Amino acid sequence: MDHRRRLLSRAALADEGRITVRREPDRAWPGDHSRLCALENDGDLLFLGERPGPLPGGASAEWRLTAQGRDALRDA
């Protein structure tokens, strides 16, 4: 399964179609962060924002699946 389908499926199965990734205290985002940003640019996800994490330098970023993203997943 490709990254696009995997991430859209993960969002579709989550509460309110939301998907979140965490930034580590060393300020490195996981690889899925850039993939989620690409899906946002395509209109499949809506960026909801970043929140500080419990540790200094940590954070989380959250997106929500759009109707376009649901259609893309269904068509895949």
PDB file of N, CA and C in Angstrom:
ATOM      1  N   MET A   1       0.856  -1.178   0.000  1.00  0.00           N
ATOM      2  CA  MET A   1       0.000   0.000   0.000  1.00  0.00           C
ATOM      3  C   MET A   1       0.905   1.245   0.000  1.00  0.00           C
ATOM      4  N   ASP A   2       0.569   2.212  -0.822  1.00  0.00           N
ATOM      5  CA  ASP A   2       1.404   3.412  -0.874  1.00  0.00           C
ATOM      6  C   ASP A   2       1.134   4.323   0.324  1.00  0.00           C
ATOM      7  N   HIS A   3       2.018   5.280   0.518  1.00  0.00           N
ATOM      8  CA  HIS A   3       1.906   6.177   1.681  1.00  0.00           C
ATOM      9  C   HIS A   3       0.605   6.974   1.659  1.00  0.00           C
ATOM     10  N   ARG A   4       0.210   7.434   0.488  1.00  0.00           N
ATOM     11  CA  ARG A   4      -1.012   8.240   0.369  1.00  0.00           C
ATOM     12  C   ARG A   4      -2.219   7.448   0.879  1.00  0.00           C
ATOM     13  N   ARG A   5      -2.380   6.259   0.358  1.00  0.00           N
ATOM     14  CA  ARG A   5      -3.525   5.437   0.755  1.00  0.00           C
ATOM     15  C   ARG A   5      -3.446   5.062   2.234  1.00  0.00           C
ATOM     16  N   ARG A   6      -2.252   4.726   2.701  1.00  0.00           N
ATOM     17  CA  ARG A   6      -2.064   4.351   4.118  1.00  0.00           C
ATOM     18  C   ARG A   6      -2.470   5.487   5.045  1.00  0.00           C
ATOM     19  N   LEU A   7      -2.012   6.705   4.730  1.00  0.00           N
ATOM     20  CA  LEU A   7      -2.305   7.844   5.601  1.00  0.00           C
ATOM     21  C   LEU A   7      -3.773   8.260   5.515  1.00  0.00           C
ATOM     22  N   LEU A   8      -4.339   8.249   4.320  1.00  0.00           N
ATOM     23  CA  LEU A   8      -5.757   8.589   4.192  1.00  0.00           C
ATOM     24  C   LEU A   8      -6.626   7.547   4.896  1.00  0.00           C
ATOM     25  N   SER A   9      -6.250   6.279   4.801  1.00  0.00           N
ATOM     26  CA  SER A   9      -6.993   5.219   5.500  1.00  0.00           C
ATOM     27  C   SER A   9      -6.904   5.408   7.010  1.00  0.00           C
ATOM     28  N   ARG A  10      -5.718   5.736   7.476  1.00  0.00           N
ATOM     29  CA  ARG A  10      -5.522   5.959   8.914  1.00  0.00           C
ATOM     30  C   ARG A  10      -6.395   7.108   9.404  1.00  0.00           C
ATOM     31  N   ALA A  11      -6.460   8.193   8.624  1.00  0.00           N
ATOM     32  CA  ALA A  11      -7.308   9.326   8.998  1.00  0.00           C
ATOM     33  C   ALA A  11      -8.780   8.935   8.961  1.00  0.00           C
ATOM     34  N   ALA A  12      -9.186   8.190   7.933  1.00  0.00           N
ATOM     35  CA  ALA A  12     -10.595   7.810   7.784  1.00  0.00           C
ATOM     36  C   ALA A  12     -11.073   6.946   8.954  1.00  0.00           C
ATOM     37  N   LEU A  13     -10.189   6.142   9.504  1.00  0.00           N
ATOM     38  CA  LEU A  13     -10.557   5.262  10.615  1.00  0.00           C
ATOM     39  C   LEU A  13     -10.510   5.954  11.970  1.00  0.00           C
ATOM     40  N   ALA A  14      -9.879   7.115  12.029  1.00  0.00           N
ATOM     41  CA  ALA A  14      -9.700   7.823  13.305  1.00  0.00           C
ATOM     42  C   ALA A  14     -10.939   8.647  13.661  1.00  0.00           C
ATOM     43  N   ASP A  15     -11.040   8.983  14.931  1.00  0.00           N
ATOM     44  CA  ASP A  15     -12.113   9.822  15.438  1.00  0.00           C
ATOM     45  C   ASP A  15     -12.129  11.154  14.684  1.00  0.00           C
ATOM     46  N   GLU A  16     -13.252  11.500  14.096  1.00  0.00           N
ATOM     47  CA  GLU A  16     -13.440  12.753  13.360  1.00  0.00           C
ATOM     48  C   GLU A  16     -12.488  12.897  12.168  1.00  0.00           C
ATOM     49  N   GLY A  17     -11.930  11.797  11.683  1.00  0.00           N
ATOM     50  CA  GLY A  17     -11.061  11.841  10.523  1.00  0.00           C
ATOM     51  C   GLY A  17      -9.751  12.571  10.756  1.00  0.00           C
ATOM     52  N   ARG A  18      -9.291  12.574  11.997  1.00  0.00           N
ATOM     53  CA  ARG A  18      -8.072  13.315  12.345  1.00  0.00           C
ATOM     54  C   ARG A  18      -6.855  12.406  12.383  1.00  0.00           C
ATOM     55  N   ILE A  19      -5.732  12.971  11.990  1.00  0.00           N
ATOM     56  CA  ILE A  19      -4.462  12.259  12.025  1.00  0.00           C
ATOM     57  C   ILE A  19      -3.412  13.193  12.612  1.00  0.00           C
ATOM     58  N   THR A  20      -2.608  12.666  13.522  1.00  0.00           N
ATOM     59  CA  THR A  20      -1.629  13.469  14.254  1.00  0.00           C
ATOM     60  C   THR A  20      -0.259  12.805  14.200  1.00  0.00           C
ATOM     61  N   VAL A  21       0.770  13.628  14.067  1.00  0.00           N
ATOM     62  CA  VAL A  21       2.147  13.137  14.200  1.00  0.00           C
ATOM     63  C   VAL A  21       2.843  13.974  15.261  1.00  0.00           C
ATOM     64  N   ARG A  22       3.807  13.355  15.936  1.00  0.00           N
ATOM     65  CA  ARG A  22       4.537  14.042  17.013  1.00  0.00           C
ATOM     66  C   ARG A  22       5.956  14.367  16.591  1.00  0.00           C
ATOM     67  N   ARG A  23       6.374  15.560  16.956  1.00  0.00           N
ATOM     68  CA  ARG A  23       7.770  15.961  16.767  1.00  0.00           C
ATOM     69  C   ARG A  23       8.514  15.620  18.049  1.00  0.00           C
ATOM     70  N   GLU A  24       9.668  15.050  17.894  1.00  0.00           N
ATOM     71  CA  GLU A  24      10.478  14.660  19.041  1.00  0.00           C
ATOM     72  C   GLU A  24      11.181  15.882  19.643  1.00  0.00           C
ATOM     73  N   PRO A  25      11.635  15.763  20.889  1.00  0.00           N
ATOM     74  CA  PRO A  25      12.331  16.884  21.531  1.00  0.00           C
ATOM     75  C   PRO A  25      13.562  17.366  20.746  1.00  0.00           C
ATOM     76  N   ASP A  26      14.136  16.506  19.902  1.00  0.00           N
ATOM     77  CA  ASP A  26      15.279  16.957  19.092  1.00  0.00           C
ATOM     78  C   ASP A  26      14.816  17.773  17.877  1.00  0.00           C
ATOM     79  N   ARG A  27      13.518  18.059  17.828  1.00  0.00           N
ATOM     80  CA  ARG A  27      12.867  18.874  16.799  1.00  0.00           C
ATOM     81  C   ARG A  27      12.761  18.201  15.435  1.00  0.00           C
ATOM     82  N   ALA A  28      12.951  16.891  15.383  1.00  0.00           N
ATOM     83  CA  ALA A  28      12.824  16.150  14.129  1.00  0.00           C
ATOM     84  C   ALA A  28      11.394  15.630  13.969  1.00  0.00           C
ATOM     85  N   TRP A  29      10.808  15.891  12.807  1.00  0.00           N
ATOM     86  CA  TRP A  29       9.491  15.343  12.492  1.00  0.00           C
ATOM     87  C   TRP A  29       9.681  13.966  11.866  1.00  0.00           C
ATOM     88  N   PRO A  30       8.737  13.049  12.074  1.00  0.00           N
ATOM     89  CA  PRO A  30       8.820  11.765  11.383  1.00  0.00           C
ATOM     90  C   PRO A  30       8.574  11.960   9.882  1.00  0.00           C
ATOM     91  N   GLY A  31       8.946  10.981   9.084  1.00  0.00           N
ATOM     92  CA  GLY A  31       8.789  11.078   7.637  1.00  0.00           C
ATOM     93  C   GLY A  31       7.358  11.345   7.196  1.00  0.00           C
ATOM     94  N   ASP A  32       6.378  10.847   7.961  1.00  0.00           N
ATOM     95  CA  ASP A  32       4.982  11.059   7.577  1.00  0.00           C
ATOM     96  C   ASP A  32       4.577  12.528   7.611  1.00  0.00           C
ATOM     97  N   HIS A  33       5.292  13.361   8.344  1.00  0.00           N
ATOM     98  CA  HIS A  33       4.939  14.785   8.409  1.00  0.00           C
ATOM     99  C   HIS A  33       4.979  15.404   7.009  1.00  0.00           C
ATOM    100  N   SER A  34       6.032  15.169   6.263  1.00  0.00           N
ATOM    101  CA  SER A  34       6.124  15.752   4.918  1.00  0.00           C
ATOM    102  C   SER A  34       5.086  15.124   3.990  1.00  0.00           C
ATOM    103  N   ARG A  35       4.776  13.863   4.184  1.00  0.00           N
ATOM    104  CA  ARG A  35       3.743  13.212   3.366  1.00  0.00           C
ATOM    105  C   ARG A  35       2.370  13.804   3.666  1.00  0.00           C
ATOM    106  N   LEU A  36       2.103  14.087   4.940  1.00  0.00           N
ATOM    107  CA  LEU A  36       0.834  14.708   5.321  1.00  0.00           C
ATOM    108  C   LEU A  36       0.739  16.129   4.766  1.00  0.00           C
ATOM    109  N   CYS A  37       1.842  16.847   4.772  1.00  0.00           N
ATOM    110  CA  CYS A  37       1.862  18.196   4.177  1.00  0.00           C
ATOM    111  C   CYS A  37       1.547  18.126   2.685  1.00  0.00           C
ATOM    112  N   ALA A  38       2.062  17.107   1.999  1.00  0.00           N
ATOM    113  CA  ALA A  38       1.776  16.942   0.573  1.00  0.00           C
ATOM    114  C   ALA A  38       0.293  16.651   0.353  1.00  0.00           C
ATOM    115  N   LEU A  39      -0.296  15.824   1.205  1.00  0.00           N
ATOM    116  CA  LEU A  39      -1.726  15.539   1.105  1.00  0.00           C
ATOM    117  C   LEU A  39      -2.554  16.794   1.391  1.00  0.00           C
ATOM    118  N   GLU A  40      -2.061  17.633   2.281  1.00  0.00           N
ATOM    119  CA  GLU A  40      -2.720  18.908   2.553  1.00  0.00           C
ATOM    120  C   GLU A  40      -2.664  19.788   1.298  1.00  0.00           C
ATOM    121  N   ASN A  41      -1.515  19.869   0.663  1.00  0.00           N
ATOM    122  CA  ASN A  41      -1.363  20.673  -0.550  1.00  0.00           C
ATOM    123  C   ASN A  41      -2.273  20.182  -1.669  1.00  0.00           C
ATOM    124  N   ASP A  42      -2.532  18.869  -1.704  1.00  0.00           N
ATOM    125  CA  ASP A  42      -3.417  18.290  -2.718  1.00  0.00           C
ATOM    126  C   ASP A  42      -4.891  18.502  -2.386  1.00  0.00           C
ATOM    127  N   GLY A  43      -5.190  18.931  -1.147  1.00  0.00           N
ATOM    128  CA  GLY A  43      -6.576  19.146  -0.737  1.00  0.00           C
ATOM    129  C   GLY A  43      -7.223  17.956  -0.072  1.00  0.00           C
ATOM    130  N   ASP A  44      -6.456  16.878   0.149  1.00  0.00           N
ATOM    131  CA  ASP A  44      -7.014  15.682   0.775  1.00  0.00           C
ATOM    132  C   ASP A  44      -7.108  15.798   2.295  1.00  0.00           C
ATOM    133  N   LEU A  45      -6.295  16.673   2.874  1.00  0.00           N
ATOM    134  CA  LEU A  45      -6.301  16.914   4.321  1.00  0.00           C
ATOM    135  C   LEU A  45      -6.366  18.409   4.583  1.00  0.00           C
ATOM    136  N   LEU A  46      -6.916  18.769   5.725  1.00  0.00           N
ATOM    137  CA  LEU A  46      -6.953  20.154   6.193  1.00  0.00           C
ATOM    138  C   LEU A  46      -6.064  20.251   7.422  1.00  0.00           C
ATOM    139  N   PHE A  47      -5.094  21.160   7.396  1.00  0.00           N
ATOM    140  CA  PHE A  47      -4.192  21.328   8.539  1.00  0.00           C
ATOM    141  C   PHE A  47      -4.937  22.029   9.661  1.00  0.00           C
ATOM    142  N   LEU A  48      -4.918  21.437  10.855  1.00  0.00           N
ATOM    143  CA  LEU A  48      -5.606  21.998  12.012  1.00  0.00           C
ATOM    144  C   LEU A  48      -4.669  22.758  12.939  1.00  0.00           C
ATOM    145  N   GLY A  49      -3.359  22.527  12.806  1.00  0.00           N
ATOM    146  CA  GLY A  49      -2.409  23.276  13.609  1.00  0.00           C
ATOM    147  C   GLY A  49      -1.444  22.402  14.369  1.00  0.00           C
ATOM    148  N   GLU A  50      -0.562  23.086  15.091  1.00  0.00           N
ATOM    149  CA  GLU A  50       0.437  22.432  15.930  1.00  0.00           C
ATOM    150  C   GLU A  50       0.165  22.764  17.385  1.00  0.00           C
ATOM    151  N   ARG A  51       0.526  21.833  18.249  1.00  0.00           N
ATOM    152  CA  ARG A  51       0.404  22.033  19.698  1.00  0.00           C
ATOM    153  C   ARG A  51       1.726  21.679  20.342  1.00  0.00           C
ATOM    154  N   PRO A  52       2.107  22.397  21.378  1.00  0.00           N
ATOM    155  CA  PRO A  52       3.336  22.032  22.089  1.00  0.00           C
ATOM    156  C   PRO A  52       3.171  20.672  22.759  1.00  0.00           C
ATOM    157  N   GLY A  53       4.263  19.945  22.830  1.00  0.00           N
ATOM    158  CA  GLY A  53       4.252  18.646  23.481  1.00  0.00           C
ATOM    159  C   GLY A  53       4.609  18.750  24.946  1.00  0.00           C
ATOM    160  N   PRO A  54       4.575  17.623  25.648  1.00  0.00           N
ATOM    161  CA  PRO A  54       4.855  17.625  27.076  1.00  0.00           C
ATOM    162  C   PRO A  54       6.332  17.875  27.405  1.00  0.00           C
ATOM    163  N   LEU A  55       7.213  17.600  26.444  1.00  0.00           N
ATOM    164  CA  LEU A  55       8.647  17.803  26.668  1.00  0.00           C
ATOM    165  C   LEU A  55       9.122  19.040  25.914  1.00  0.00           C
ATOM    166  N   PRO A  56      10.129  19.738  26.420  1.00  0.00           N
ATOM    167  CA  PRO A  56      10.656  20.906  25.703  1.00  0.00           C
ATOM    168  C   PRO A  56      11.090  20.524  24.287  1.00  0.00           C
ATOM    169  N   GLY A  57      10.646  21.300  23.317  1.00  0.00           N
ATOM    170  CA  GLY A  57      10.975  21.036  21.921  1.00  0.00           C
ATOM    171  C   GLY A  57      10.008  20.086  21.240  1.00  0.00           C
ATOM    172  N   GLY A  58       9.218  19.362  22.007  1.00  0.00           N
ATOM    173  CA  GLY A  58       8.249  18.434  21.429  1.00  0.00           C
ATOM    174  C   GLY A  58       7.004  19.172  20.955  1.00  0.00           C
ATOM    175  N   ALA A  59       6.318  18.598  20.003  1.00  0.00           N
ATOM    176  CA  ALA A  59       5.084  19.187  19.479  1.00  0.00           C
ATOM    177  C   ALA A  59       4.314  18.108  18.743  1.00  0.00           C
ATOM    178  N   SER A  60       3.072  18.420  18.411  1.00  0.00           N
ATOM    179  CA  SER A  60       2.298  17.544  17.549  1.00  0.00           C
ATOM    180  C   SER A  60       1.614  18.400  16.497  1.00  0.00           C
ATOM    181  N   ALA A  61       1.419  17.837  15.329  1.00  0.00           N
ATOM    182  CA  ALA A  61       0.723  18.500  14.233  1.00  0.00           C
ATOM    183  C   ALA A  61      -0.479  17.632  13.879  1.00  0.00           C
ATOM    184  N   GLU A  62      -1.592  18.287  13.556  1.00  0.00           N
ATOM    185  CA  GLU A  62      -2.824  17.542  13.326  1.00  0.00           C
ATOM    186  C   GLU A  62      -3.505  18.005  12.041  1.00  0.00           C
ATOM    187  N   TRP A  63      -4.055  17.029  11.313  1.00  0.00           N
ATOM    188  CA  TRP A  63      -4.810  17.277  10.095  1.00  0.00           C
ATOM    189  C   TRP A  63      -6.144  16.549  10.195  1.00  0.00           C
ATOM    190  N   ARG A  64      -7.098  16.985   9.355  1.00  0.00           N
ATOM    191  CA  ARG A  64      -8.397  16.307   9.272  1.00  0.00           C
ATOM    192  C   ARG A  64      -8.670  15.963   7.816  1.00  0.00           C
ATOM    193  N   LEU A  65      -9.209  14.795   7.596  1.00  0.00           N
ATOM    194  CA  LEU A  65      -9.549  14.324   6.268  1.00  0.00           C
ATOM    195  C   LEU A  65     -10.656  15.193   5.673  1.00  0.00           C
ATOM    196  N   THR A  66     -10.510  15.596   4.422  1.00  0.00           N
ATOM    197  CA  THR A  66     -11.522  16.400   3.733  1.00  0.00           C
ATOM    198  C   THR A  66     -12.426  15.472   2.912  1.00  0.00           C
ATOM    199  N   ALA A  67     -13.510  16.027   2.394  1.00  0.00           N
ATOM    200  CA  ALA A  67     -14.389  15.251   1.515  1.00  0.00           C
ATOM    201  C   ALA A  67     -13.614  14.787   0.288  1.00  0.00           C
ATOM    202  N   GLN A  68     -12.739  15.643  -0.229  1.00  0.00           N
ATOM    203  CA  GLN A  68     -11.905  15.268  -1.371  1.00  0.00           C
ATOM    204  C   GLN A  68     -11.014  14.087  -1.015  1.00  0.00           C
ATOM    205  N   GLY A  69     -10.465  14.082   0.194  1.00  0.00           N
ATOM    206  CA  GLY A  69      -9.622  12.976   0.641  1.00  0.00           C
ATOM    207  C   GLY A  69     -10.401  11.678   0.759  1.00  0.00           C
ATOM    208  N   ARG A  70     -11.636  11.759   1.245  1.00  0.00           N
ATOM    209  CA  ARG A  70     -12.483  10.556   1.329  1.00  0.00           C
ATOM    210  C   ARG A  70     -12.766  10.009  -0.068  1.00  0.00           C
ATOM    211  N   ASP A  71     -13.041  10.913  -1.015  1.00  0.00           N
ATOM    212  CA  ASP A  71     -13.278  10.499  -2.401  1.00  0.00           C
ATOM    213  C   ASP A  71     -12.032   9.845  -2.989  1.00  0.00           C
ATOM    214  N   ALA A  72     -10.861  10.433  -2.736  1.00  0.00           N
ATOM    215  CA  ALA A  72      -9.610   9.887  -3.255  1.00  0.00           C
ATOM    216  C   ALA A  72      -9.352   8.496  -2.700  1.00  0.00           C
ATOM    217  N   LEU A  73      -9.675   8.300  -1.427  1.00  0.00           N
ATOM    218  CA  LEU A  73      -9.486   6.992  -0.803  1.00  0.00           C
ATOM    219  C   LEU A  73     -10.452   5.973  -1.400  1.00  0.00           C
ATOM    220  N   ARG A  74     -11.682   6.374  -1.608  1.00  0.00           N
ATOM    221  CA  ARG A  74     -12.680   5.482  -2.178  1.00  0.00           C
ATOM    222  C   ARG A  74     -12.312   5.086  -3.611  1.00  0.00           C
ATOM    223  N   ASP A  75     -11.748   6.023  -4.359  1.00  0.00           N
ATOM    224  CA  ASP A  75     -11.384   5.774  -5.751  1.00  0.00           C
ATOM    225  C   ASP A  75     -10.085   4.996  -5.913  1.00  0.00           C
ATOM    226  N   ALA A  76      -9.309   4.920  -4.822  1.00  0.00           N
ATOM    227  CA  ALA A  76      -7.977   4.256  -4.910  1.00  0.00           C
ATOM    228  C   ALA A  76      -8.098   2.754  -5.011  1.00  0.00           C
TER     229      ALA A  76
END
